[in-house]
Protein backbone atom coordinates (compact mmCIF):
# COMPACT_ATOMS: atom_id res chain seq x y z
CA MET A 1 -66.22 68.01 43.00
CA ASN A 2 -62.71 67.77 41.55
CA ASN A 3 -60.06 70.50 41.67
CA PHE A 4 -60.60 71.50 38.04
CA ARG A 5 -64.28 72.20 38.61
CA LYS A 6 -63.44 74.06 41.81
CA LEU A 7 -61.05 76.29 39.86
CA VAL A 8 -63.76 76.91 37.26
CA VAL A 9 -66.17 78.03 39.99
CA LEU A 10 -63.50 80.23 41.58
CA THR A 11 -62.71 81.88 38.24
CA LYS A 12 -66.40 82.45 37.56
CA TRP A 13 -66.78 84.12 40.95
CA LEU A 14 -63.63 86.21 40.59
CA ASN A 15 -64.68 87.40 37.14
CA SER A 16 -68.03 88.50 38.51
CA VAL A 17 -66.29 90.35 41.35
CA SER A 18 -63.87 92.00 38.93
CA LYS A 19 -66.76 93.58 37.07
CA LYS A 20 -67.69 95.44 40.25
CA ARG A 21 -64.18 96.23 41.51
CA ALA A 22 -60.96 97.23 39.81
CA PHE A 23 -58.57 94.28 39.89
CA LYS A 24 -55.58 93.99 37.58
CA ASN A 25 -55.16 90.26 38.04
CA HIS A 26 -55.58 87.46 40.49
CA THR A 27 -54.15 84.05 41.34
CA GLU A 28 -55.74 81.26 43.31
CA ARG A 29 -54.39 78.19 45.07
CA ILE A 30 -56.33 75.26 46.42
CA PHE A 31 -54.25 74.32 49.43
CA GLY A 32 -56.21 71.70 51.27
CA GLY A 33 -59.51 70.14 52.05
CA VAL A 34 -61.27 68.46 54.89
CA LYS A 35 -61.00 64.73 54.38
CA SER A 36 -64.47 63.50 53.53
CA SER A 37 -66.04 60.08 53.34
CA ASP A 38 -69.40 58.65 52.45
CA LYS A 39 -70.59 59.73 55.91
CA ASP A 40 -70.28 63.37 54.90
CA LEU A 41 -72.89 65.39 53.04
CA GLY A 42 -70.45 67.66 51.23
CA ASP A 43 -66.88 68.59 50.42
CA ILE A 44 -65.00 71.45 52.10
CA THR A 45 -61.94 72.95 50.41
CA PHE A 46 -59.66 75.77 51.58
CA VAL A 47 -58.53 78.31 48.99
CA ASN A 48 -56.00 81.19 49.08
CA LEU A 49 -56.70 84.11 46.74
CA ASN A 50 -54.18 86.84 45.86
CA ARG A 51 -55.24 89.94 43.91
CA LYS A 52 -53.76 93.22 42.78
CA THR A 53 -55.82 96.35 42.46
CA GLU A 54 -55.27 98.93 39.73
CA GLY A 55 -53.23 100.82 42.31
CA ASN A 56 -50.96 97.76 42.44
CA LYS A 57 -51.93 96.98 46.02
CA ASP A 58 -51.99 93.38 47.16
CA GLN A 59 -55.20 91.91 48.53
CA LYS A 60 -55.19 88.45 50.08
CA HIS A 61 -58.20 86.37 50.97
CA SER A 62 -58.55 82.97 52.55
CA CYS A 63 -61.79 81.22 51.66
CA VAL A 64 -63.69 78.04 52.34
CA MET A 65 -65.52 76.41 49.45
CA LYS A 66 -68.47 74.19 50.40
CA SER A 67 -69.93 72.00 47.68
CA CYS A 68 -72.71 69.45 47.80
CA LYS A 69 -71.69 65.83 47.45
CA SER A 70 -74.12 64.45 44.88
CA ASP A 71 -72.21 61.51 43.39
CA LEU A 72 -73.28 58.91 45.96
CA PRO A 73 -76.61 57.07 45.56
CA TRP A 74 -77.82 57.62 49.13
CA THR A 75 -77.44 61.41 48.93
CA LYS A 76 -80.71 61.52 47.01
CA ILE A 77 -82.43 59.56 49.76
CA ILE A 78 -81.68 62.10 52.48
CA GLY A 79 -82.09 65.21 50.32
CA THR A 80 -78.51 66.47 50.43
CA LYS A 81 -79.08 68.89 47.57
CA THR A 82 -82.11 70.35 49.34
CA MET A 83 -80.01 71.02 52.43
CA TYR A 84 -77.43 72.95 50.42
CA GLN A 85 -80.13 74.80 48.50
CA ASN A 86 -81.65 75.81 51.83
CA GLU A 87 -78.34 77.23 53.05
CA ILE A 88 -77.77 79.07 49.76
CA TYR A 89 -81.21 80.68 50.12
CA PHE A 90 -80.37 81.64 53.70
CA TYR A 91 -77.14 83.38 52.63
CA GLN A 92 -78.65 84.97 49.53
CA LYS A 93 -81.96 86.21 50.96
CA VAL A 94 -82.34 85.92 54.72
CA LEU A 95 -79.04 87.23 56.07
CA PRO A 96 -78.88 90.27 53.71
CA THR A 97 -82.42 91.22 54.81
CA PHE A 98 -81.45 90.79 58.46
CA ALA A 99 -78.40 93.02 57.89
CA GLN A 100 -80.41 95.76 56.12
CA PHE A 101 -83.07 95.71 58.82
CA GLN A 102 -80.50 96.11 61.60
CA GLU A 103 -78.71 98.88 59.71
CA LYS A 104 -81.96 100.75 59.24
CA LYS A 105 -82.65 100.56 62.97
CA SER A 106 -79.08 101.65 63.91
CA VAL A 107 -78.83 98.98 66.60
CA ARG A 108 -75.89 98.71 68.95
CA GLU A 109 -73.66 95.70 68.26
CA PRO A 110 -75.74 94.07 65.49
CA PHE A 111 -75.85 90.34 64.89
CA TYR A 112 -73.18 89.69 62.27
CA HIS A 113 -71.80 86.50 63.79
CA PHE A 114 -71.45 84.38 60.66
CA PRO A 115 -68.89 84.09 57.85
CA GLU A 116 -69.09 86.58 55.01
CA CYS A 117 -70.46 84.82 51.95
CA TYR A 118 -68.70 85.70 48.69
CA TYR A 119 -70.54 83.33 46.39
CA ALA A 120 -73.60 81.08 46.82
CA LYS A 121 -75.10 79.55 43.69
CA ILE A 122 -75.96 76.35 41.90
CA TYR A 123 -73.26 75.82 39.27
CA GLU A 124 -73.82 73.12 36.65
CA GLY A 125 -76.22 71.35 38.98
CA ILE A 126 -73.89 71.45 42.00
CA GLU A 127 -74.61 73.64 45.01
CA VAL A 128 -71.54 75.74 45.86
CA MET A 129 -70.76 78.37 48.51
CA ILE A 130 -67.56 80.37 48.99
CA LEU A 131 -67.22 81.80 52.50
CA LYS A 132 -64.58 83.71 54.41
CA ASN A 133 -62.22 81.36 56.24
CA MET A 134 -62.90 82.39 59.83
CA ARG A 135 -60.00 80.33 61.14
CA LYS A 136 -57.66 82.76 59.41
CA GLU A 137 -59.43 85.47 61.43
CA GLY A 138 -58.40 83.76 64.66
CA TYR A 139 -61.53 81.68 65.29
CA LEU A 140 -61.15 78.17 66.72
CA MET A 141 -63.40 75.14 66.80
CA HIS A 142 -64.57 73.57 70.04
CA ASN A 143 -63.82 69.90 70.68
CA GLY A 144 -67.30 68.42 70.59
CA ALA A 145 -66.24 65.43 72.66
CA CYS A 146 -66.04 67.80 75.67
CA PRO A 147 -68.81 69.97 77.12
CA MET A 148 -68.59 73.68 76.36
CA SER A 149 -67.47 76.11 79.02
CA GLU A 150 -70.09 78.18 80.81
CA GLU A 151 -68.60 81.31 79.20
CA SER A 152 -68.99 79.86 75.70
CA ILE A 153 -72.62 78.87 76.27
CA ARG A 154 -73.43 82.30 77.66
CA LYS A 155 -71.94 83.97 74.58
CA ILE A 156 -73.96 81.77 72.21
CA VAL A 157 -77.17 82.21 74.22
CA GLN A 158 -76.83 86.00 74.09
CA ASN A 159 -76.35 85.92 70.33
CA PHE A 160 -79.30 83.60 69.84
CA GLY A 161 -81.33 86.26 71.66
CA LYS A 162 -80.30 88.80 69.01
CA PHE A 163 -80.75 86.39 66.12
CA HIS A 164 -84.29 85.43 67.16
CA ALA A 165 -85.19 89.05 67.98
CA ILE A 166 -84.70 90.00 64.31
CA SER A 167 -87.34 87.43 63.30
CA PHE A 168 -89.79 88.64 65.93
CA ALA A 169 -89.31 92.25 64.82
CA LEU A 170 -89.74 91.36 61.14
CA ARG A 171 -92.90 89.41 61.95
CA ASP A 172 -94.16 92.49 63.77
CA GLN A 173 -93.09 95.22 61.35
CA ASN A 174 -92.79 93.51 57.96
CA PRO A 175 -95.01 90.40 58.07
CA LYS A 176 -94.94 90.02 54.28
CA ILE A 177 -91.19 89.43 54.08
CA PHE A 178 -91.33 87.21 57.17
CA ARG A 179 -94.01 85.03 55.57
CA THR A 180 -91.88 84.78 52.43
CA PHE A 181 -88.91 83.45 54.39
CA ALA A 182 -91.15 81.06 56.34
CA ARG A 183 -92.55 79.72 53.07
CA ASP A 184 -89.29 79.43 51.13
CA LEU A 185 -87.04 77.90 53.79
CA THR A 186 -87.24 74.10 53.64
CA ASP A 187 -87.93 72.06 56.77
CA VAL A 188 -84.80 69.93 56.42
CA THR A 189 -85.26 68.38 59.86
CA ARG A 190 -88.47 66.75 58.72
CA LEU A 191 -86.76 65.72 55.50
CA LEU A 192 -83.95 63.97 57.40
CA ALA A 193 -86.23 62.10 59.81
CA ASP A 194 -86.22 58.86 57.85
CA GLU A 195 -86.94 55.39 59.18
CA ASP A 196 -83.44 53.92 58.90
CA ASP A 197 -81.91 56.70 60.98
CA GLU A 198 -84.63 56.23 63.59
CA MET A 199 -83.88 52.49 63.70
CA GLU A 200 -80.22 53.15 64.53
CA GLU A 201 -81.24 55.62 67.23
CA ASP A 202 -83.70 53.13 68.71
CA ARG A 203 -80.94 50.53 69.03
CA PHE A 204 -78.77 53.08 70.78
CA LEU A 205 -81.62 54.01 73.15
CA VAL A 206 -82.03 50.33 74.05
CA ASP A 207 -78.36 50.20 75.05
CA LEU A 208 -78.69 53.45 77.03
CA TYR A 209 -81.74 51.99 78.78
CA LYS A 210 -79.73 48.94 79.88
CA ILE A 211 -76.94 51.14 81.28
CA ALA A 212 -79.42 53.35 83.16
CA LYS A 213 -81.07 50.25 84.67
CA GLU A 214 -77.72 48.88 85.75
CA LYS A 215 -76.91 52.20 87.43
CA LYS A 216 -80.34 52.11 89.09
CA LEU A 217 -81.37 55.35 87.38
CA LEU A 218 -84.96 54.13 87.16
CA GLU A 219 -86.60 57.51 86.57
CA ILE A 220 -84.27 58.18 83.65
CA SER A 221 -84.56 54.69 82.16
CA ASN A 222 -88.35 54.92 82.22
CA LYS A 223 -88.29 58.18 80.26
CA LEU A 224 -85.78 57.21 77.57
CA PHE A 225 -88.40 55.62 75.33
CA LYS A 226 -90.72 58.57 75.77
CA LEU A 227 -88.44 60.73 73.67
CA PRO A 228 -90.29 61.48 70.44
CA ASN A 229 -89.21 60.54 66.96
CA MET A 230 -87.51 63.45 65.24
CA ILE A 231 -90.42 63.87 62.86
CA ASP A 232 -92.78 64.29 65.82
CA THR A 233 -90.80 67.21 67.23
CA VAL A 234 -91.10 69.50 64.20
CA ASP A 235 -93.77 72.20 64.34
CA SER A 236 -93.59 75.40 62.29
CA THR A 237 -97.16 76.52 62.93
CA ASP A 238 -96.63 77.95 66.40
CA SER A 239 -97.56 81.62 66.59
CA PHE A 240 -94.25 82.39 68.32
CA ALA A 241 -92.11 80.62 65.71
CA VAL A 242 -88.99 82.37 64.38
CA ILE A 243 -86.32 81.62 61.80
CA VAL A 244 -83.99 79.29 63.68
CA HIS A 245 -80.45 78.14 63.02
CA GLY A 246 -81.79 74.62 63.33
CA ASP A 247 -78.60 72.71 64.19
CA ALA A 248 -77.04 74.23 67.31
CA GLU A 249 -74.59 71.41 67.96
CA PRO A 250 -70.97 71.93 69.12
CA GLY A 251 -69.33 71.75 65.70
CA ASN A 252 -71.40 74.59 64.30
CA PHE A 253 -69.77 77.35 66.35
CA LEU A 254 -66.31 78.91 66.22
CA PHE A 255 -64.76 80.95 69.02
CA LYS A 256 -62.29 83.82 69.07
CA TYR A 257 -60.27 84.61 72.20
CA THR A 258 -58.36 87.67 73.36
CA ASP A 259 -55.20 85.68 74.09
CA ASN A 260 -53.40 82.49 73.10
CA GLU A 261 -54.24 80.82 76.41
CA ARG A 262 -57.99 81.11 75.62
CA SER A 263 -58.59 82.66 79.02
CA LYS A 264 -61.07 85.25 77.75
CA LEU A 265 -63.68 84.66 75.07
CA ASP A 266 -64.20 87.54 72.65
CA GLN A 267 -66.53 86.49 69.82
CA VAL A 268 -68.52 83.56 68.51
CA CYS A 269 -69.26 82.67 64.88
CA PHE A 270 -72.30 80.65 63.76
CA LEU A 271 -71.79 78.08 60.97
CA ASP A 272 -73.95 75.81 58.79
CA PHE A 273 -77.48 77.09 58.25
CA GLN A 274 -78.64 74.07 56.25
CA ARG A 275 -81.43 73.28 58.73
CA SER A 276 -82.65 76.85 59.08
CA ARG A 277 -86.44 77.00 59.06
CA LEU A 278 -89.45 78.38 60.90
CA ALA A 279 -89.73 76.91 64.40
CA SER A 280 -89.89 77.75 68.12
CA PRO A 281 -86.81 79.54 69.54
CA VAL A 282 -86.59 76.62 71.97
CA TYR A 283 -85.48 74.37 69.10
CA ASP A 284 -82.17 76.26 69.01
CA LEU A 285 -81.89 76.68 72.76
CA SER A 286 -82.68 73.06 73.61
CA CYS A 287 -80.27 71.66 71.03
CA LEU A 288 -77.52 73.97 72.29
CA LEU A 289 -77.97 73.44 76.02
CA PHE A 290 -78.64 69.70 76.03
CA SER A 291 -75.84 68.95 73.56
CA CYS A 292 -73.23 71.34 74.96
CA MET A 293 -73.76 71.68 78.73
CA SER A 294 -71.80 69.69 81.24
CA GLY A 295 -73.51 67.92 84.11
CA ASP A 296 -72.11 70.60 86.43
CA ASP A 297 -73.73 73.36 84.35
CA VAL A 298 -77.23 71.90 84.66
CA LYS A 299 -77.62 74.15 87.70
CA ASN A 300 -77.18 77.16 85.40
CA PHE A 301 -80.10 76.22 83.15
CA ASP A 302 -82.44 78.92 84.49
CA ASP A 303 -79.67 81.53 84.34
CA PHE A 304 -78.99 80.68 80.69
CA ASN A 305 -82.66 81.18 79.87
CA LYS A 306 -82.82 84.50 81.70
CA LEU A 307 -79.69 85.68 79.89
CA TYR A 308 -81.23 84.67 76.56
CA TYR A 309 -84.43 86.54 77.31
CA GLU A 310 -82.62 89.67 78.50
CA SER A 311 -80.64 89.73 75.25
CA LEU A 312 -83.74 89.11 73.12
CA SER A 313 -85.77 91.78 74.95
CA ASP A 314 -83.05 94.42 74.74
CA PHE A 315 -82.50 93.79 71.02
CA LEU A 316 -86.22 93.77 70.26
CA ARG A 317 -86.57 97.19 71.85
CA GLN A 318 -83.64 98.47 69.78
CA LEU A 319 -85.38 97.12 66.68
CA GLY A 320 -88.60 98.94 67.62
CA SER A 321 -90.81 96.10 68.89
CA ASP A 322 -92.25 95.24 72.31
CA PRO A 323 -90.86 91.98 73.79
CA ASP A 324 -93.80 91.66 76.18
CA LYS A 325 -96.09 91.58 73.16
CA MET A 326 -93.95 89.54 70.78
CA PHE A 327 -92.59 86.90 73.18
CA PRO A 328 -93.31 87.27 76.93
CA PHE A 329 -91.05 85.38 79.33
CA ASP A 330 -93.81 83.06 80.54
CA GLU A 331 -94.30 81.99 76.92
CA LEU A 332 -90.60 81.06 76.74
CA GLU A 333 -91.08 78.84 79.78
CA ASN A 334 -94.20 77.33 78.20
CA GLN A 335 -92.34 76.63 74.95
CA TRP A 336 -89.67 74.73 76.83
CA LYS A 337 -92.37 72.35 78.10
CA MET A 338 -93.81 72.02 74.60
CA TYR A 339 -90.65 71.78 72.50
CA GLY A 340 -87.72 71.11 74.83
CA LYS A 341 -87.97 67.41 73.98
CA PHE A 342 -86.66 68.27 70.50
CA GLY A 343 -83.26 69.11 71.95
CA LEU A 344 -83.27 65.88 73.96
CA ARG A 345 -83.86 63.80 70.86
CA ARG A 346 -81.23 65.69 68.90
CA MET A 347 -78.85 65.41 71.87
CA VAL A 348 -78.86 61.63 71.59
CA THR A 349 -77.65 61.79 67.99
CA VAL A 350 -75.11 64.58 68.61
CA THR A 351 -73.61 62.95 71.71
CA LYS A 352 -73.33 59.60 69.96
CA ASN A 353 -71.63 61.17 66.94
CA TYR A 354 -69.02 62.99 69.05
CA LEU A 355 -68.28 60.42 71.74
CA LEU A 356 -68.37 57.03 70.05
CA ASP A 357 -65.03 55.36 69.43
CA GLN A 358 -64.00 54.80 65.84
CA GLU A 359 -65.01 51.13 65.88
CA ASP A 360 -68.53 52.21 66.84
CA VAL A 361 -68.86 54.73 64.01
CA PHE A 362 -70.78 53.45 61.01
CA SER A 363 -70.94 54.63 57.45
CA LEU A 364 -74.17 56.49 56.77
CA GLY A 365 -74.35 54.78 53.40
CA GLU A 366 -74.06 51.34 55.04
CA VAL A 367 -76.75 52.12 57.59
CA LEU A 368 -79.15 53.41 54.96
CA GLU A 369 -78.53 50.37 52.76
CA SER A 370 -78.84 47.99 55.75
CA ILE A 371 -75.53 46.31 54.98
CA LEU A 372 -74.73 45.76 58.64
CA GLU A 373 -76.46 45.36 61.97
CA VAL A 374 -75.70 48.42 64.09
CA SER A 375 -74.32 47.71 67.56
CA PHE A 376 -72.31 49.69 70.10
CA SER A 377 -69.71 48.71 72.70
CA THR A 378 -70.73 48.93 76.36
CA LYS A 379 -67.83 51.26 77.10
CA ALA A 380 -68.96 53.68 74.37
CA VAL A 381 -72.58 53.67 75.55
CA GLU A 382 -71.52 54.30 79.16
CA LYS A 383 -69.45 57.29 78.04
CA CYS A 384 -72.46 58.71 76.19
CA GLY A 385 -74.73 58.01 79.15
CA ASP A 386 -72.53 60.12 81.43
CA ARG A 387 -73.35 63.12 79.20
CA ILE A 388 -76.96 62.25 78.40
CA PHE A 389 -78.41 61.15 81.75
CA PRO A 390 -78.02 64.53 83.57
CA MET A 391 -79.87 66.20 80.68
CA ILE A 392 -82.70 63.67 80.85
CA LYS A 393 -82.98 64.31 84.59
CA LEU A 394 -83.10 68.07 83.96
CA ALA A 395 -85.87 67.60 81.39
CA ILE A 396 -87.86 65.51 83.85
CA ASP A 397 -87.49 68.15 86.57
CA LYS A 398 -88.61 70.87 84.11
CA GLU A 399 -91.64 68.80 83.01
CA MET A 400 -90.53 68.48 79.37
CA ILE A 401 -91.02 64.70 79.39
């Protein structure tokens, strides 16, 4: 999406806003974008907006424009447009309903941990969203090559408790609207589980298996090939299913601290709802914990789950529903055994994407078109194994695999 078309979309949005609010004039400046390649599913552009009200007061906004990349042949294969359409629906329909429901219930500290969405539409066949630039609000991205801190995981877990509680309460009190969301959100995870991606993952698992055998981690090596294919881990029919974020990997959270030294975490912001769908809460929890925990934090696994459930239960009561009826704690433990393997499978992909050296990173287009034989250096696989193996051991101990 070139700069001219981006300006057209911005002007269209600003004109629609001006009809609702009194603005004398506005100027806009596209000041940078995230460098994208054919590995990326979309373009991200940063925009500064300056306005004057009729009272001649200045208003400044910093925005992020996300637009679907649809000019590459393989984007049709993996359903890129569907992913963006799913996120647009989430911002247009799901989040406003969540906000209204919480406001009606007058809950303490509602779940508003996502960027404000100014514009989310399909313009001339291209999916476009304009969101508040949370980095200008002091939020920072975590380096996905490193495990998250215990404090960061606790903050996310607590907010997932609130986020999932809204779904449980809507299912309980307004089943019609809940069924509508469940029907209209697209299961993007199933859509993305194509054979070529699985082939690359299988090659990587073979290399991990060799490393585990060399390290004499026999229990772990024997379980590596028992991880399911991604398509086998998707189940939206469970009676305890909620609307999930769907992609709780390190890059989809921003953090705000109380000081420049980042000694005290204040807030977390959830990003990228393209994979949002109906699924078990454990899909979010397993992806988060297995992809973000350090080996040292494995010992805190039970505490993270208890913290999640305490947050969910408290918020459900504030929303007017009974947690013991909607999602008892023993059911959470049962769901981990049923669906925890999803996070393990996703962890393999996430860890590989964040930890592989540049020479081991392959173009998605090349992989899909089978232009090259995918292979990984031993050093890169060992680095990934150091993160992955403790999570496999945890899953074995918790009877997930």
